[in-house]
C-alpha cells in the first residue's frame, strides 16, 4: 500500500498535531505501508524512516504528489493549521480528477470550529476519521450528509516512555497536582487557578504544576493569555505554589518525572473531558487519578467515579470541592488510579490503535478496487 500524507502539521512545526502525524507515519511504515509525506512548508532535512517532500505552497505539493504512485491519500486537518485552505482544496480536487482511483481519507483533530465554509473541502473525502464519539456527533450535526463517512479512532499518547506510572507516595508529603496540555482559552486554566486558590490551605500542603506551552497561531494573543494567567495566579496569592513547566520540544523530551511525582491530574476543559484529548491518553498511561469536567456529551468509555471524577465546567467552587475530596480520600484516588490504568489499556493502547489505522486504510483500498474492477494491492 502506497500512502501519501498531505499535511501542514509536521515537525519542526511546534504543535501536538505535528507529533501525531509523524508518529502515525512511523507506525504505519513499521507495518509495511509505503508512506510518503508531502508538506507545504519548508524545514530542515528530516530524519524519518519514510520520505518527506517539502514545498513552498500547495502548488508545489501537488506537483510532487502527481509524480508519485499513490493508492490512498491521508490529510490531517485542523483549520488554523491550513493557512491556505482554498489552495489545499484545489490540490485535493485536482488529485481526485487526475487519480480518481485514489482513496481519500481525512483525520479531524477537532470538529468544533468547523463551519459551512469547510464543507466543500471535507466533501472530497471518502472517509473522515474523528477522535471520539463526541467529535463524531459534532461532525454529524454540522455535516449530516457526510456523517456516514466517519469512523472513530482515539488518539494515542505522544509519550512513549514505559516508565510513566505514578510512584508510591508517603503520608504527609505535599500533594502534587498536575495539569497537562497546551495552554490557551478553553482549557479551563482560569477556572483551575481560582479553584486551587480555594482548595489549597493556608499552609499550602498542595502544589500545582502546569505542563504545556502557549500557542501562537500567527498572532500574539496566546502569549498575552499566558502572561495574564501568571498575573492571575499572583493576584490570587497562589503564585509561590504554582509551577509553570512550559512546553517540551518533542515527545522524547517530555518531563516524565513530573508525572511520576504527581498524586493526581486536573484538566478542567470548558467543553468537558473527551476521549479525543491526547493529554488524557498520556495521563491514563501514567495511571494518574483524573479530575476533569463533564460537558454536554460524555464518551461512553468515560465513567464518573471509576476512571475519572467529573464536575461542571467553569465552576471554580465545585472544582475546588472535588480537589479537596480527592486530596483527602486515598481510597478514592486508588479507585480512580485503577480505572485510569484500565482506560489506557482498553482505549489508548498504541499498538492496537496503529493496527486499527492500518486495517481501515487497507480495507478502504480493497473496497475501492473491487468497485472499480481493479486489482487489490497486496499487503507489503
Protein backbone atom coordinates (compact mmCIF):
# COMPACT_ATOMS: atom_id res chain seq x y z
CA UNK A 1 0.00 0.00 0.00
CA UNK A 2 1.35 3.40 -1.04
CA UNK A 3 0.15 6.16 1.28
CA UNK A 4 0.59 9.87 0.55
CA UNK A 5 0.18 12.10 3.62
CA UNK A 6 -0.62 15.70 2.74
CA UNK A 7 -0.11 17.71 5.91
CA UNK A 8 0.54 21.23 7.17
CA UNK A 9 1.24 19.77 10.61
CA UNK A 10 4.69 18.23 10.60
CA UNK A 11 7.94 18.67 12.55
CA UNK A 12 9.63 21.01 13.20
CA UNK A 13 6.34 22.96 13.34
CA UNK A 14 5.55 23.11 17.09
CA UNK A 15 2.11 21.60 17.65
CA UNK A 16 0.85 18.33 19.08
CA UNK A 17 -0.76 17.64 15.68
CA UNK A 18 2.72 17.61 14.13
CA UNK A 19 3.94 14.95 16.54
CA UNK A 20 0.73 12.97 16.00
CA UNK A 21 1.21 12.88 12.22
CA UNK A 22 4.90 11.94 12.32
CA UNK A 23 4.27 9.21 14.93
CA UNK A 24 1.42 7.78 12.85
CA UNK A 25 3.56 7.78 9.70
CA UNK A 26 6.37 5.97 11.51
CA UNK A 27 3.97 3.36 12.92
CA UNK A 28 2.37 2.69 9.52
CA UNK A 29 5.82 2.41 7.94
CA UNK A 30 6.66 -0.26 10.53
CA UNK A 31 3.51 -2.12 9.42
CA UNK A 32 4.65 -2.31 5.81
CA UNK A 33 2.94 0.79 4.43
CA UNK A 34 4.98 2.80 1.90
CA UNK A 35 4.45 6.24 3.45
CA UNK A 36 5.44 9.49 1.73
CA UNK A 37 4.72 12.81 3.48
CA UNK A 38 4.10 15.99 1.47
CA UNK A 39 4.45 19.21 3.48
CA UNK A 40 3.54 22.70 2.16
CA UNK A 41 6.13 24.46 4.28
CA UNK A 42 9.90 24.46 4.41
CA UNK A 43 12.06 22.83 7.03
CA UNK A 44 15.32 21.05 7.67
CA UNK A 45 16.24 17.68 6.25
CA UNK A 46 14.12 15.08 8.04
CA UNK A 47 15.46 12.08 9.87
CA UNK A 48 12.44 9.84 9.40
CA UNK A 49 12.15 6.26 8.16
CA UNK A 50 9.90 7.47 5.31
CA UNK A 51 10.46 10.13 2.61
CA UNK A 52 9.31 13.71 3.23
CA UNK A 53 8.87 16.17 0.34
CA UNK A 54 8.66 19.85 1.31
CA UNK A 55 7.36 22.61 -0.94
CA UNK A 56 6.56 26.28 -0.54
CA UNK A 57 2.79 26.15 -1.01
CA UNK A 58 0.16 23.73 -2.27
CA UNK A 59 1.05 24.02 -5.96
CA UNK A 60 4.46 22.53 -5.25
CA UNK A 61 2.91 19.83 -3.10
CA UNK A 62 0.51 18.87 -5.89
CA UNK A 63 3.31 18.71 -8.45
CA UNK A 64 5.32 16.41 -6.19
CA UNK A 65 2.27 14.31 -5.41
CA UNK A 66 1.32 13.73 -9.04
CA UNK A 67 4.82 12.41 -9.74
CA UNK A 68 4.40 9.57 -7.24
CA UNK A 69 2.39 6.31 -7.41
CA UNK A 70 -0.31 6.51 -4.72
CA UNK A 71 -3.07 4.16 -3.53
CA UNK A 72 -4.53 6.34 -0.79
CA UNK A 73 -4.28 9.95 0.41
CA UNK A 74 -4.40 10.95 4.07
CA UNK A 75 -4.99 14.59 5.04
CA UNK A 76 -4.77 15.51 8.75
CA UNK A 77 -7.00 18.58 9.06
CA UNK A 78 -7.21 21.40 11.58
CA UNK A 79 -8.50 24.70 10.12
CA UNK A 80 -5.94 27.01 11.74
CA UNK A 81 -3.09 24.78 10.50
CA UNK A 82 -4.22 25.17 6.88
CA UNK A 83 -3.08 28.69 6.14
CA UNK A 84 -4.39 28.42 2.55
CA UNK A 85 -7.45 26.17 2.64
CA UNK A 86 -8.53 27.15 -0.92
CA UNK A 87 -5.09 26.04 -2.14
CA UNK A 88 -5.45 22.73 -0.30
CA UNK A 89 -8.95 22.29 -1.74
CA UNK A 90 -7.65 22.85 -5.28
CA UNK A 91 -4.85 20.34 -4.71
CA UNK A 92 -7.23 17.65 -3.45
CA UNK A 93 -9.77 18.31 -6.24
CA UNK A 94 -7.11 18.15 -8.97
CA UNK A 95 -5.73 14.95 -7.47
CA UNK A 96 -9.26 13.50 -7.41
CA UNK A 97 -9.68 14.35 -11.08
CA UNK A 98 -6.21 13.15 -12.14
CA UNK A 99 -6.21 9.99 -9.99
CA UNK A 100 -9.89 9.04 -9.47
CA UNK A 101 -8.98 5.61 -8.08
CA UNK A 102 -7.14 7.06 -5.06
CA UNK A 103 -8.94 6.63 -1.73
CA UNK A 104 -9.07 9.95 0.13
CA UNK A 105 -9.13 9.99 3.94
CA UNK A 106 -9.16 12.97 6.33
CA UNK A 107 -8.43 12.91 10.04
CA UNK A 108 -10.08 15.72 12.02
CA UNK A 109 -8.36 16.83 15.20
CA UNK A 110 -11.29 18.99 16.30
CA UNK A 111 -14.63 19.49 14.52
CA UNK A 112 -15.85 22.16 16.96
CA UNK A 113 -14.54 25.19 14.99
CA UNK A 114 -15.66 23.85 11.60
CA UNK A 115 -18.18 25.91 9.64
CA UNK A 116 -20.06 25.56 6.38
CA UNK A 117 -17.03 27.12 4.67
CA UNK A 118 -15.12 23.86 5.17
CA UNK A 119 -17.85 21.67 3.64
CA UNK A 120 -16.52 21.79 0.03
CA UNK A 121 -13.13 20.62 1.29
CA UNK A 122 -14.45 17.87 3.56
CA UNK A 123 -16.82 16.51 0.93
CA UNK A 124 -13.81 15.50 -1.19
CA UNK A 125 -13.01 12.64 1.21
CA UNK A 126 -14.26 9.06 1.13
CA UNK A 127 -13.68 8.62 4.87
CA UNK A 128 -13.34 11.04 7.78
CA UNK A 129 -11.56 9.81 10.90
CA UNK A 130 -12.56 11.55 14.15
CA UNK A 131 -11.00 11.06 17.57
CA UNK A 132 -14.04 10.41 19.79
CA UNK A 133 -17.77 9.72 19.88
CA UNK A 134 -18.42 13.35 20.78
CA UNK A 135 -16.43 14.50 17.77
CA UNK A 136 -18.49 12.15 15.57
CA UNK A 137 -21.70 13.70 16.93
CA UNK A 138 -20.46 17.26 16.40
CA UNK A 139 -19.35 16.46 12.85
CA UNK A 140 -22.62 14.67 12.05
CA UNK A 141 -24.66 17.59 13.34
CA UNK A 142 -22.72 20.10 11.23
CA UNK A 143 -22.45 17.95 8.09
CA UNK A 144 -25.30 15.39 8.23
CA UNK A 145 -24.82 14.20 4.64
CA UNK A 146 -21.19 13.30 5.45
CA UNK A 147 -21.94 11.55 8.77
CA UNK A 148 -21.93 8.05 7.22
CA UNK A 149 -18.29 8.55 6.18
CA UNK A 150 -16.99 8.88 9.74
CA UNK A 151 -15.03 6.37 11.83
CA UNK A 152 -13.72 6.84 15.37
CA UNK A 153 -10.08 6.11 16.19
CA UNK A 154 -8.96 7.62 19.54
CA UNK A 155 -5.63 9.47 19.73
CA UNK A 156 -2.56 7.74 21.07
CA UNK A 157 -0.29 9.09 23.77
CA UNK A 158 2.57 11.05 22.24
CA UNK A 159 4.79 9.98 25.14
CA UNK A 160 6.26 6.53 24.58
CA UNK A 161 8.11 6.23 27.88
CA UNK A 162 7.47 2.89 29.57
CA UNK A 163 8.15 4.43 32.99
CA UNK A 164 5.32 6.93 33.37
CA UNK A 165 3.30 5.29 36.13
CA UNK A 166 2.97 7.36 39.27
CA UNK A 167 5.25 6.28 42.11
CA UNK A 168 4.02 5.43 45.61
CA UNK A 169 3.67 8.49 47.80
CA UNK A 170 4.27 8.83 51.53
CA UNK A 171 1.77 10.17 54.03
CA UNK A 172 2.12 13.86 54.84
CA UNK A 173 4.10 14.94 51.78
CA UNK A 174 3.00 17.91 49.72
CA UNK A 175 0.16 16.88 47.40
CA UNK A 176 1.19 17.35 43.77
CA UNK A 177 -1.50 18.31 41.24
CA UNK A 178 -0.66 18.18 37.52
CA UNK A 179 -2.33 19.97 34.60
CA UNK A 180 -1.16 18.81 31.17
CA UNK A 181 -1.59 20.23 27.66
CA UNK A 182 -1.14 23.35 25.56
CA UNK A 183 -2.34 26.45 27.42
CA UNK A 184 -4.95 28.52 25.62
CA UNK A 185 -8.52 29.79 26.20
CA UNK A 186 -10.90 26.85 26.57
CA UNK A 187 -8.53 24.65 28.58
CA UNK A 188 -10.08 25.84 31.85
CA UNK A 189 -6.83 27.09 33.38
CA UNK A 190 -8.54 30.25 34.64
CA UNK A 191 -11.09 28.06 36.46
CA UNK A 192 -8.29 25.86 37.80
CA UNK A 193 -6.35 28.76 39.29
CA UNK A 194 -9.46 30.05 41.09
CA UNK A 195 -10.29 26.55 42.34
CA UNK A 196 -6.73 25.93 43.52
CA UNK A 197 -6.83 29.21 45.45
CA UNK A 198 -9.99 27.97 47.19
CA UNK A 199 -8.82 24.41 47.88
CA UNK A 200 -5.20 24.99 48.92
CA UNK A 201 -5.00 25.50 52.71
CA UNK A 202 -3.12 28.46 54.12
CA UNK A 203 -0.16 26.24 54.99
CA UNK A 204 -0.21 25.10 51.35
CA UNK A 205 0.19 21.36 51.60
CA UNK A 206 -0.55 21.19 47.88
CA UNK A 207 1.30 22.25 44.75
CA UNK A 208 0.13 22.72 41.15
CA UNK A 209 2.33 22.08 38.11
CA UNK A 210 1.12 23.19 34.67
CA UNK A 211 2.91 21.45 31.79
CA UNK A 212 2.39 22.90 28.31
CA UNK A 213 3.33 25.93 26.27
CA UNK A 214 1.13 28.65 24.83
CA UNK A 215 0.17 28.54 21.17
CA UNK A 216 0.98 31.21 18.62
CA UNK A 217 -1.20 30.74 15.52
CA UNK A 218 0.05 33.89 13.81
CA UNK A 219 -0.90 36.44 16.45
CA UNK A 220 0.42 37.19 19.92
CA UNK A 221 -2.83 36.80 21.85
CA UNK A 222 -1.87 33.37 23.19
CA UNK A 223 1.32 34.69 24.78
CA UNK A 224 -0.70 37.58 26.20
CA UNK A 225 -3.09 34.99 27.61
CA UNK A 226 -0.20 33.13 29.23
CA UNK A 227 1.05 36.32 30.85
CA UNK A 228 -2.46 37.12 32.05
CA UNK A 229 -2.70 33.69 33.70
CA UNK A 230 0.54 34.28 35.61
CA UNK A 231 -0.71 37.66 36.79
CA UNK A 232 -3.96 35.99 37.87
CA UNK A 233 -2.01 33.47 39.97
CA UNK A 234 -0.19 36.35 41.66
CA UNK A 235 -3.42 38.24 42.31
CA UNK A 236 -4.96 35.08 43.86
CA UNK A 237 -1.95 34.69 46.15
CA UNK A 238 -1.00 31.24 44.83
CA UNK A 239 1.98 32.12 42.62
CA UNK A 240 4.53 30.52 45.03
CA UNK A 241 2.63 27.21 44.83
CA UNK A 242 2.13 27.09 41.03
CA UNK A 243 4.91 25.87 38.75
CA UNK A 244 4.72 26.77 35.06
CA UNK A 245 6.79 23.99 33.49
CA UNK A 246 6.25 25.31 29.95
CA UNK A 247 6.43 23.42 26.69
CA UNK A 248 8.59 20.46 25.79
CA UNK A 249 10.23 20.36 22.36
CA UNK A 250 9.44 16.76 21.38
CA UNK A 251 7.70 13.72 22.94
CA UNK A 252 11.19 12.36 23.66
CA UNK A 253 11.93 15.36 25.90
CA UNK A 254 8.64 15.12 27.81
CA UNK A 255 9.30 15.70 31.54
CA UNK A 256 8.21 12.22 32.67
CA UNK A 257 9.37 12.86 36.22
CA UNK A 258 6.59 15.43 36.64
CA UNK A 259 4.01 12.69 36.02
CA UNK A 260 5.76 10.22 38.30
CA UNK A 261 5.87 12.66 41.22
CA UNK A 262 2.21 13.72 40.84
CA UNK A 263 -0.60 12.44 43.07
CA UNK A 264 -3.42 13.38 40.68
CA UNK A 265 -4.17 15.22 37.44
CA UNK A 266 -6.67 18.04 36.88
CA UNK A 267 -7.76 19.06 33.35
CA UNK A 268 -10.96 21.18 33.65
CA UNK A 269 -11.77 21.73 29.95
CA UNK A 270 -14.50 24.25 29.16
CA UNK A 271 -16.21 21.79 26.75
CA UNK A 272 -15.73 18.80 29.03
CA UNK A 273 -13.41 15.80 29.04
CA UNK A 274 -13.32 13.65 25.91
CA UNK A 275 -11.56 10.55 24.65
CA UNK A 276 -10.17 12.85 21.92
CA UNK A 277 -7.89 14.63 24.43
CA UNK A 278 -4.31 13.46 23.82
CA UNK A 279 -3.44 14.71 27.32
CA UNK A 280 -5.97 12.20 28.69
CA UNK A 281 -4.18 9.42 26.80
CA UNK A 282 -0.89 10.35 28.48
CA UNK A 283 -2.43 10.78 31.94
CA UNK A 284 -4.18 7.41 31.66
CA UNK A 285 -0.94 5.82 30.52
CA UNK A 286 0.62 7.19 33.72
CA UNK A 287 -2.30 5.70 35.74
CA UNK A 288 -2.99 9.02 37.42
CA UNK A 289 -6.33 9.79 39.11
CA UNK A 290 -8.03 12.25 36.74
CA UNK A 291 -10.25 15.18 37.77
CA UNK A 292 -11.99 16.95 34.92
CA UNK A 293 -15.31 18.33 33.70
CA UNK A 294 -18.43 16.88 32.15
CA UNK A 295 -19.71 18.69 29.07
CA UNK A 296 -22.97 18.23 27.19
CA UNK A 297 -21.77 14.89 25.75
CA UNK A 298 -19.77 12.21 27.56
CA UNK A 299 -17.97 9.47 25.63
CA UNK A 300 -19.16 6.01 26.65
CA UNK A 301 -15.66 4.92 27.79
CA UNK A 302 -15.55 7.65 30.44
CA UNK A 303 -17.16 6.66 33.75
CA UNK A 304 -17.52 9.18 36.57
CA UNK A 305 -16.25 7.68 39.81
CA UNK A 306 -14.49 4.84 38.01
CA UNK A 307 -11.82 6.18 35.62
CA UNK A 308 -12.37 9.91 36.18
CA UNK A 309 -14.07 12.37 38.54
CA UNK A 310 -16.18 15.00 36.81
CA UNK A 311 -17.67 18.34 37.77
CA UNK A 312 -19.42 21.03 35.74
CA UNK A 313 -17.19 23.25 33.57
CA UNK A 314 -16.31 26.82 34.62
CA UNK A 315 -17.37 26.21 38.24
CA UNK A 316 -14.36 27.06 40.46
CA UNK A 317 -16.21 26.27 43.69
CA UNK A 318 -17.25 22.78 42.53
CA UNK A 319 -13.78 22.09 41.18
CA UNK A 320 -12.22 23.21 44.48
CA UNK A 321 -14.50 20.88 46.44
CA UNK A 322 -13.58 17.97 44.18
CA UNK A 323 -9.87 18.77 44.50
CA UNK A 324 -10.18 18.75 48.29
CA UNK A 325 -12.12 15.47 48.22
CA UNK A 326 -9.56 13.71 46.03
CA UNK A 327 -6.67 15.12 48.04
CA UNK A 328 -8.14 13.83 51.32
CA UNK A 329 -9.53 10.46 50.16
CA UNK A 330 -6.79 7.90 49.45
CA UNK A 331 -9.35 5.18 48.69
CA UNK A 332 -10.98 7.34 46.01
CA UNK A 333 -7.57 8.09 44.48
CA UNK A 334 -6.79 4.38 44.38
CA UNK A 335 -10.06 3.59 42.62
CA UNK A 336 -9.53 6.35 40.07
CA UNK A 337 -5.93 5.26 39.52
CA UNK A 338 -7.05 1.68 38.75
CA UNK A 339 -9.77 2.94 36.41
CA UNK A 340 -7.31 5.24 34.66
CA UNK A 341 -4.95 2.32 34.07
CA UNK A 342 -7.76 0.18 32.64
CA UNK A 343 -8.82 3.06 30.38
CA UNK A 344 -5.30 3.23 28.99
CA UNK A 345 -5.27 -0.50 28.23
CA UNK A 346 -8.75 -0.56 26.71
CA UNK A 347 -8.80 2.68 24.70
CA UNK A 348 -5.29 4.05 24.29
CA UNK A 349 -3.08 1.03 23.59
CA UNK A 350 -0.68 2.37 20.96
CA UNK A 351 -0.15 -0.90 19.07
CA UNK A 352 -3.90 -1.55 18.83
CA UNK A 353 -4.62 1.97 17.58
CA UNK A 354 -1.90 1.78 14.91
CA UNK A 355 -3.20 -1.64 13.83
CA UNK A 356 -6.70 -0.16 13.51
CA UNK A 357 -5.38 2.62 11.27
CA UNK A 358 -3.57 0.07 9.11
CA UNK A 359 -6.68 -2.11 8.83
CA UNK A 360 -9.03 0.73 7.87
CA UNK A 361 -6.70 2.14 5.20
CA UNK A 362 -6.13 -1.26 3.60
CA UNK A 363 -9.81 -2.19 3.76
CA UNK A 364 -10.84 1.05 2.04
CA UNK A 365 -8.33 0.44 -0.75
CA UNK A 366 -9.65 -3.08 -1.24
CA UNK A 367 -13.26 -1.86 -1.28
CA UNK A 368 -12.47 0.86 -3.84
CA UNK A 369 -10.55 -1.61 -6.00
CA UNK A 370 -13.48 -4.03 -6.10
CA UNK A 371 -15.87 -1.23 -7.06
CA UNK A 372 -13.56 -0.09 -9.86
CA UNK A 373 -12.71 -3.59 -11.05
CA UNK A 374 -9.03 -3.10 -10.25
CA UNK A 375 -6.51 -5.48 -8.75
CA UNK A 376 -6.27 -5.16 -4.99
CA UNK A 377 -2.74 -4.21 -3.81
CA UNK A 378 -1.11 -7.00 -1.85
CA UNK A 379 -0.07 -6.18 1.73
CA UNK A 380 3.64 -5.47 1.87
